[in-house]
Amino acid sequence: MATDKAILNLLAAGVRDMDEALTIKAAREALASNIDPLKAINEGFFRNL
């Protein structure tokens, strides 16, 4: 399984590239890896905003 940093990078890339499939895949990986949801939002989804 990927590291937290790699998963957060995938979340950011999915949002930046408007790639719905990548974003969903990364979100599922974040859940499976028990990444804190607030961390996923702040350091992943919203990093580029």
C-alpha atoms as a PDB file:
ATOM      1  CA  MET A   1       0.000   0.000   0.000  1.00  0.00           C
ATOM      2  CA  ALA A   2       1.143   3.545  -0.724  1.00  0.00           C
ATOM      3  CA  THR A   3       2.483   5.922   1.900  1.00  0.00           C
ATOM      4  CA  ASP A   4       0.302   8.687   3.306  1.00  0.00           C
ATOM      5  CA  LYS A   5       2.314  11.287   1.403  1.00  0.00           C
ATOM      6  CA  ALA A   6       1.831   9.420  -1.884  1.00  0.00           C
ATOM      7  CA  ILE A   7      -1.910   9.145  -1.293  1.00  0.00           C
ATOM      8  CA  LEU A   8      -2.190  12.849  -0.450  1.00  0.00           C
ATOM      9  CA  ASN A   9      -0.262  13.631  -3.634  1.00  0.00           C
ATOM     10  CA  LEU A  10      -2.731  11.517  -5.626  1.00  0.00           C
ATOM     11  CA  LEU A  11      -5.662  13.348  -4.032  1.00  0.00           C
ATOM     12  CA  ALA A  12      -4.129  16.698  -4.958  1.00  0.00           C
ATOM     13  CA  ALA A  13      -3.341  15.555  -8.507  1.00  0.00           C
ATOM     14  CA  GLY A  14      -6.851  14.215  -9.035  1.00  0.00           C
ATOM     15  CA  VAL A  15      -8.427  17.513  -8.017  1.00  0.00           C
ATOM     16  CA  ARG A  16      -5.874  19.608  -9.920  1.00  0.00           C
ATOM     17  CA  ASP A  17      -6.357  17.573 -13.101  1.00  0.00           C
ATOM     18  CA  MET A  18     -10.133  17.275 -12.586  1.00  0.00           C
ATOM     19  CA  ASP A  19      -9.713  13.487 -12.851  1.00  0.00           C
ATOM     20  CA  GLU A  20     -12.733  12.028 -11.103  1.00  0.00           C
ATOM     21  CA  ALA A  21     -11.554   8.411 -11.321  1.00  0.00           C
ATOM     22  CA  LEU A  22      -8.134   9.214  -9.823  1.00  0.00           C
ATOM     23  CA  THR A  23      -9.694  11.284  -7.060  1.00  0.00           C
ATOM     24  CA  ILE A  24     -12.102   8.486  -6.121  1.00  0.00           C
ATOM     25  CA  LYS A  25      -9.296   5.905  -6.184  1.00  0.00           C
ATOM     26  CA  ALA A  26      -7.101   8.078  -3.967  1.00  0.00           C
ATOM     27  CA  ALA A  27      -9.976   8.784  -1.562  1.00  0.00           C
ATOM     28  CA  ARG A  28     -10.603   5.054  -1.185  1.00  0.00           C
ATOM     29  CA  GLU A  29      -6.892   4.488  -0.551  1.00  0.00           C
ATOM     30  CA  ALA A  30      -6.950   7.249   2.071  1.00  0.00           C
ATOM     31  CA  LEU A  31      -9.860   5.562   3.841  1.00  0.00           C
ATOM     32  CA  ALA A  32      -8.179   2.153   3.682  1.00  0.00           C
ATOM     33  CA  SER A  33      -4.975   3.656   5.102  1.00  0.00           C
ATOM     34  CA  ASN A  34      -6.843   5.358   7.963  1.00  0.00           C
ATOM     35  CA  ILE A  35      -5.643   8.813   6.954  1.00  0.00           C
ATOM     36  CA  ASP A  36      -7.387  11.414   9.078  1.00  0.00           C
ATOM     37  CA  PRO A  37     -10.225  12.879   6.949  1.00  0.00           C
ATOM     38  CA  LEU A  38      -9.328  16.458   7.884  1.00  0.00           C
ATOM     39  CA  LYS A  39      -5.730  15.825   6.826  1.00  0.00           C
ATOM     40  CA  ALA A  40      -6.950  14.363   3.519  1.00  0.00           C
ATOM     41  CA  ILE A  41      -9.059  17.468   2.914  1.00  0.00           C
ATOM     42  CA  ASN A  42      -6.428  20.039   3.894  1.00  0.00           C
ATOM     43  CA  GLU A  43      -3.303  18.361   2.510  1.00  0.00           C
ATOM     44  CA  GLY A  44      -4.887  16.517  -0.388  1.00  0.00           C
ATOM     45  CA  PHE A  45      -8.142  17.780  -1.842  1.00  0.00           C
ATOM     46  CA  PHE A  46      -7.601  21.495  -1.104  1.00  0.00           C
ATOM     47  CA  ARG A  47      -3.821  21.710  -1.472  1.00  0.00           C
ATOM     48  CA  ASN A  48      -4.009  23.413  -4.880  1.00  0.00           C
ATOM     49  CA  LEU A  49      -6.871  25.770  -4.094  1.00  0.00           C
END
